[in-house]
Every structure is written in C-alpha cells, then in structure tokens.
Amino acid sequence: MDDFTRPYWDAAAEGRVLLRRCRAEGCGAAHHYPREFCPYCWSEDVGWEPATGRATLYTWSVVHRNDLPPFGDRVPYVAAVVDLAEGPRMMTEITDCPEPELRIGMPLVVHFRGVGEAGGEGIGGAEGKGAAEGAAVAVPVFRPA
C-alpha cells in the first residue's frame, strides 16, 4: 500500500472494489491493476470508480504447493483470472467452489479475505474504518454468484 493505491485498499477494507477509468475524450477505458495513467491511450486523466463486484471466470489453476506466507497455509487453492463486469481482467482467487465445478464463463461475485486469513470466510467490511485508520487490510477474492 502506498499513497497512490490507498483508496483501493481503503475501499477493499470496507468491502468494495475500485477500478481506475480513463476520462480522456474518446477513451473511457477501465483498467486494473491501479495505474496513474491509462494503459490504452496514455492519458493521465484517470480516476477511481466503484466496480459492481461481478465477474466471470476466464481461467484458473489449482495451486498445490506454495511455500510463501500466507499461501502455504491455504494450499490447495484456486488461482484465477476473472473478467470484471466493467471489462478489465483481474488476478484473484476463487473460494467456496470445488475445483470440478469450475467452468470458464461461470458468474462470480466478489467477497473479501482479511490478509492472513486461511479460510474462505472473508470479511464484509472493517467496521467503517479504512486501511488508512489501521483497519484490517482485505483482498478481493471471488466465489460463485
């Protein structure tokens, strides 16, 4: 987290996903991961906007071994790329779905896992506190809609 990405992490701690959208005339593209410029037209006229939290599964892989904290405590887990309803693709994790039930194009919805949480329970928010006020940091993960 740094000053530029703080709005993204504050929103995640509150149970919301933010995207960046280009405001340049003729572009208007949404993108993720957050950047200070539009990766399509290179305009620096970009801003934050809320995402719906809806996505479809693009691809996935089951990770059976990962020695890096905190992932080692979660194996096996499903690492995935999803297509957000707003257009951008996002790397994430799929929870609450057995691997044989995963299908490309299946509808997904976001929920949030507190950093360091081993299970798929996630968090719904941080009692109104954003990451800037010291609330738990949360990361968006997805489950079947």
C-alpha atoms as a PDB file:
ATOM      1  CA  MET A   1       0.000   0.000   0.000  1.00  0.00           C
ATOM      2  CA  ASP A   2       1.249   3.475  -0.831  1.00  0.00           C
ATOM      3  CA  ASP A   3      -0.369   6.910  -1.119  1.00  0.00           C
ATOM      4  CA  PHE A   4      -1.480   6.234  -4.695  1.00  0.00           C
ATOM      5  CA  THR A   5      -3.134   2.838  -4.020  1.00  0.00           C
ATOM      6  CA  ARG A   6      -4.512   3.760  -0.575  1.00  0.00           C
ATOM      7  CA  PRO A   7      -8.048   4.458  -1.954  1.00  0.00           C
ATOM      8  CA  TYR A   8      -8.122   0.937  -3.438  1.00  0.00           C
ATOM      9  CA  TRP A   9      -7.104  -0.721  -0.147  1.00  0.00           C
ATOM     10  CA  ASP A  10      -9.384   1.503   1.941  1.00  0.00           C
ATOM     11  CA  ALA A  11     -12.327   0.500  -0.262  1.00  0.00           C
ATOM     12  CA  ALA A  12     -11.392  -3.197  -0.018  1.00  0.00           C
ATOM     13  CA  ALA A  13     -11.307  -2.924   3.788  1.00  0.00           C
ATOM     14  CA  GLU A  14     -14.889  -1.601   3.523  1.00  0.00           C
ATOM     15  CA  GLY A  15     -15.983  -4.453   1.224  1.00  0.00           C
ATOM     16  CA  ARG A  16     -15.830  -2.544  -2.078  1.00  0.00           C
ATOM     17  CA  VAL A  17     -13.736  -2.857  -5.252  1.00  0.00           C
ATOM     18  CA  LEU A  18     -12.443   0.254  -7.012  1.00  0.00           C
ATOM     19  CA  LEU A  19     -11.183   0.478 -10.577  1.00  0.00           C
ATOM     20  CA  ARG A  20      -9.413   3.218 -12.475  1.00  0.00           C
ATOM     21  CA  ARG A  21     -11.178   4.693 -15.521  1.00  0.00           C
ATOM     22  CA  CYS A  22      -9.740   6.978 -18.164  1.00  0.00           C
ATOM     23  CA  ARG A  23     -11.513  10.318 -18.511  1.00  0.00           C
ATOM     24  CA  ALA A  24      -9.848  11.271 -21.789  1.00  0.00           C
ATOM     25  CA  GLU A  25     -12.198  12.111 -24.633  1.00  0.00           C
ATOM     26  CA  GLY A  26     -12.585   9.138 -26.943  1.00  0.00           C
ATOM     27  CA  CYS A  27     -11.151   6.596 -24.487  1.00  0.00           C
ATOM     28  CA  GLY A  28     -13.030   5.967 -21.234  1.00  0.00           C
ATOM     29  CA  ALA A  29     -11.427   2.559 -20.693  1.00  0.00           C
ATOM     30  CA  ALA A  30     -11.466   0.972 -17.243  1.00  0.00           C
ATOM     31  CA  HIS A  31      -8.312  -0.798 -16.112  1.00  0.00           C
ATOM     32  CA  HIS A  32      -6.955  -2.882 -13.276  1.00  0.00           C
ATOM     33  CA  TYR A  33      -4.334  -3.000 -11.603  1.00  0.00           C
ATOM     34  CA  PRO A  34      -4.363   0.673 -10.500  1.00  0.00           C
ATOM     35  CA  ARG A  35      -2.042   2.932 -12.504  1.00  0.00           C
ATOM     36  CA  GLU A  36      -1.595   6.688 -12.633  1.00  0.00           C
ATOM     37  CA  PHE A  37      -2.119   6.690 -16.415  1.00  0.00           C
ATOM     38  CA  CYS A  38      -4.390   4.942 -18.894  1.00  0.00           C
ATOM     39  CA  PRO A  39      -2.641   1.875 -20.351  1.00  0.00           C
ATOM     40  CA  TYR A  40      -4.688   2.255 -23.556  1.00  0.00           C
ATOM     41  CA  CYS A  41      -4.226   5.914 -24.538  1.00  0.00           C
ATOM     42  CA  TRP A  42      -1.545   7.000 -22.003  1.00  0.00           C
ATOM     43  CA  SER A  43      -3.685   9.834 -20.652  1.00  0.00           C
ATOM     44  CA  GLU A  44      -3.009  10.866 -17.069  1.00  0.00           C
ATOM     45  CA  ASP A  45      -6.648  11.953 -16.714  1.00  0.00           C
ATOM     46  CA  VAL A  46      -7.851   8.865 -14.823  1.00  0.00           C
ATOM     47  CA  GLY A  47      -9.935   8.474 -11.689  1.00  0.00           C
ATOM     48  CA  TRP A  48     -11.314   5.956  -9.234  1.00  0.00           C
ATOM     49  CA  GLU A  49     -14.786   4.468  -9.650  1.00  0.00           C
ATOM     50  CA  PRO A  50     -16.659   1.683  -7.854  1.00  0.00           C
ATOM     51  CA  ALA A  51     -16.953  -1.703  -9.531  1.00  0.00           C
ATOM     52  CA  THR A  52     -20.058  -3.878  -9.294  1.00  0.00           C
ATOM     53  CA  GLY A  53     -18.176  -6.830  -7.823  1.00  0.00           C
ATOM     54  CA  ARG A  54     -19.468  -9.112 -10.585  1.00  0.00           C
ATOM     55  CA  ALA A  55     -17.165 -11.119 -12.830  1.00  0.00           C
ATOM     56  CA  THR A  56     -16.907 -14.226 -14.996  1.00  0.00           C
ATOM     57  CA  LEU A  57     -14.206 -16.860 -14.772  1.00  0.00           C
ATOM     58  CA  TYR A  58     -11.629 -16.575 -17.560  1.00  0.00           C
ATOM     59  CA  THR A  59      -9.133 -19.240 -16.444  1.00  0.00           C
ATOM     60  CA  TRP A  60      -7.791 -20.917 -13.312  1.00  0.00           C
ATOM     61  CA  SER A  61      -5.144 -23.212 -11.897  1.00  0.00           C
ATOM     62  CA  VAL A  62      -5.141 -25.213  -8.682  1.00  0.00           C
ATOM     63  CA  VAL A  63      -2.039 -24.457  -6.622  1.00  0.00           C
ATOM     64  CA  HIS A  64      -0.957 -27.468  -4.578  1.00  0.00           C
ATOM     65  CA  ARG A  65       2.343 -26.145  -3.297  1.00  0.00           C
ATOM     66  CA  ASN A  66       3.374 -22.640  -2.307  1.00  0.00           C
ATOM     67  CA  ASP A  67       5.991 -22.055   0.348  1.00  0.00           C
ATOM     68  CA  LEU A  68       5.446 -18.293   0.602  1.00  0.00           C
ATOM     69  CA  PRO A  69       3.437 -16.922   3.534  1.00  0.00           C
ATOM     70  CA  PRO A  70       0.463 -16.735   3.801  1.00  0.00           C
ATOM     71  CA  PHE A  71      -0.235 -19.048   0.844  1.00  0.00           C
ATOM     72  CA  GLY A  72       1.333 -22.190   2.301  1.00  0.00           C
ATOM     73  CA  ASP A  73      -1.435 -22.401   4.896  1.00  0.00           C
ATOM     74  CA  ARG A  74      -4.125 -22.305   2.177  1.00  0.00           C
ATOM     75  CA  VAL A  75      -2.994 -24.990  -0.270  1.00  0.00           C
ATOM     76  CA  PRO A  76      -4.609 -26.250  -2.321  1.00  0.00           C
ATOM     77  CA  TYR A  77      -6.237 -23.061  -3.581  1.00  0.00           C
ATOM     78  CA  VAL A  78      -7.583 -21.851  -6.909  1.00  0.00           C
ATOM     79  CA  ALA A  79      -5.598 -19.024  -8.505  1.00  0.00           C
ATOM     80  CA  ALA A  80      -7.681 -17.423 -11.238  1.00  0.00           C
ATOM     81  CA  VAL A  81      -8.075 -14.664 -13.778  1.00  0.00           C
ATOM     82  CA  VAL A  82     -11.558 -13.170 -13.957  1.00  0.00           C
ATOM     83  CA  ASP A  83     -13.198 -10.757 -16.370  1.00  0.00           C
ATOM     84  CA  LEU A  84     -14.764  -7.977 -14.316  1.00  0.00           C
ATOM     85  CA  ALA A  85     -18.200  -6.784 -15.479  1.00  0.00           C
ATOM     86  CA  GLU A  86     -16.591  -3.399 -16.250  1.00  0.00           C
ATOM     87  CA  GLY A  87     -14.126  -5.009 -18.682  1.00  0.00           C
ATOM     88  CA  PRO A  88     -10.706  -5.380 -17.068  1.00  0.00           C
ATOM     89  CA  ARG A  89      -9.185  -8.734 -16.207  1.00  0.00           C
ATOM     90  CA  MET A  90      -8.054  -9.303 -12.639  1.00  0.00           C
ATOM     91  CA  MET A  91      -5.865 -11.938 -10.990  1.00  0.00           C
ATOM     92  CA  THR A  92      -7.564 -13.307  -7.885  1.00  0.00           C
ATOM     93  CA  GLU A  93      -8.535 -16.457  -6.028  1.00  0.00           C
ATOM     94  CA  ILE A  94     -11.741 -18.489  -6.281  1.00  0.00           C
ATOM     95  CA  THR A  95     -13.196 -19.709  -2.987  1.00  0.00           C
ATOM     96  CA  ASP A  96     -16.226 -21.699  -1.877  1.00  0.00           C
ATOM     97  CA  CYS A  97     -16.307 -23.820  -5.043  1.00  0.00           C
ATOM     98  CA  PRO A  98     -14.893 -27.324  -5.522  1.00  0.00           C
ATOM     99  CA  GLU A  99     -12.470 -27.392  -8.449  1.00  0.00           C
ATOM    100  CA  PRO A 100     -14.557 -29.880 -10.524  1.00  0.00           C
ATOM    101  CA  GLU A 101     -17.441 -27.366 -10.516  1.00  0.00           C
ATOM    102  CA  LEU A 102     -15.388 -24.522 -12.021  1.00  0.00           C
ATOM    103  CA  ARG A 103     -16.338 -23.582 -15.575  1.00  0.00           C
ATOM    104  CA  ILE A 104     -14.958 -20.927 -17.904  1.00  0.00           C
ATOM    105  CA  GLY A 105     -17.522 -18.140 -18.127  1.00  0.00           C
ATOM    106  CA  MET A 106     -19.243 -19.001 -14.826  1.00  0.00           C
ATOM    107  CA  PRO A 107     -20.645 -15.967 -12.994  1.00  0.00           C
ATOM    108  CA  LEU A 108     -18.777 -14.870  -9.872  1.00  0.00           C
ATOM    109  CA  VAL A 109     -19.226 -12.321  -7.129  1.00  0.00           C
ATOM    110  CA  VAL A 110     -16.575 -10.637  -5.016  1.00  0.00           C
ATOM    111  CA  HIS A 111     -16.065 -11.091  -1.310  1.00  0.00           C
ATOM    112  CA  PHE A 112     -13.056 -10.144   0.768  1.00  0.00           C
ATOM    113  CA  ARG A 113     -10.468 -12.013   2.764  1.00  0.00           C
ATOM    114  CA  GLY A 114      -8.524 -10.333   5.507  1.00  0.00           C
ATOM    115  CA  VAL A 115      -4.776 -10.574   4.936  1.00  0.00           C
ATOM    116  CA  GLY A 116      -3.539 -13.686   6.684  1.00  0.00           C
ATOM    117  CA  GLU A 117      -6.954 -15.413   6.855  1.00  0.00           C
ATOM    118  CA  ALA A 118      -6.583 -19.067   5.905  1.00  0.00           C
ATOM    119  CA  GLY A 119     -10.182 -19.912   5.008  1.00  0.00           C
ATOM    120  CA  GLY A 120     -12.646 -18.563   2.501  1.00  0.00           C
ATOM    121  CA  GLU A 121     -14.827 -16.855   5.102  1.00  0.00           C
ATOM    122  CA  GLY A 122     -13.583 -13.403   4.169  1.00  0.00           C
ATOM    123  CA  ILE A 123     -14.711 -10.169   5.722  1.00  0.00           C
ATOM    124  CA  GLY A 124     -17.598  -7.938   4.802  1.00  0.00           C
ATOM    125  CA  GLY A 125     -16.011  -4.731   5.968  1.00  0.00           C
ATOM    126  CA  ALA A 126     -13.931  -3.269   8.721  1.00  0.00           C
ATOM    127  CA  GLU A 127     -16.473  -1.568  10.959  1.00  0.00           C
ATOM    128  CA  GLY A 128     -16.371   1.582   8.884  1.00  0.00           C
ATOM    129  CA  LYS A 129     -12.612   2.002   9.171  1.00  0.00           C
ATOM    130  CA  GLY A 130     -10.466   2.216   6.079  1.00  0.00           C
ATOM    131  CA  ALA A 131      -6.925   0.910   5.822  1.00  0.00           C
ATOM    132  CA  ALA A 132      -5.672   4.438   6.489  1.00  0.00           C
ATOM    133  CA  GLU A 133      -7.129   4.297  10.010  1.00  0.00           C
ATOM    134  CA  GLY A 134      -5.464   0.972  10.798  1.00  0.00           C
ATOM    135  CA  ALA A 135      -8.329  -1.398   9.941  1.00  0.00           C
ATOM    136  CA  ALA A 136      -7.635  -4.880   8.659  1.00  0.00           C
ATOM    137  CA  VAL A 137      -6.332  -4.974   5.107  1.00  0.00           C
ATOM    138  CA  ALA A 138      -8.572  -7.039   2.836  1.00  0.00           C
ATOM    139  CA  VAL A 139      -8.055  -8.513  -0.616  1.00  0.00           C
ATOM    140  CA  PRO A 140     -10.827  -9.208  -3.125  1.00  0.00           C
ATOM    141  CA  VAL A 141     -11.467 -12.878  -3.887  1.00  0.00           C
ATOM    142  CA  PHE A 142     -14.384 -14.376  -5.815  1.00  0.00           C
ATOM    143  CA  ARG A 143     -16.968 -17.116  -5.313  1.00  0.00           C
ATOM    144  CA  PRO A 144     -19.784 -18.436  -7.499  1.00  0.00           C
ATOM    145  CA  ALA A 145     -22.650 -15.973  -7.873  1.00  0.00           C
END
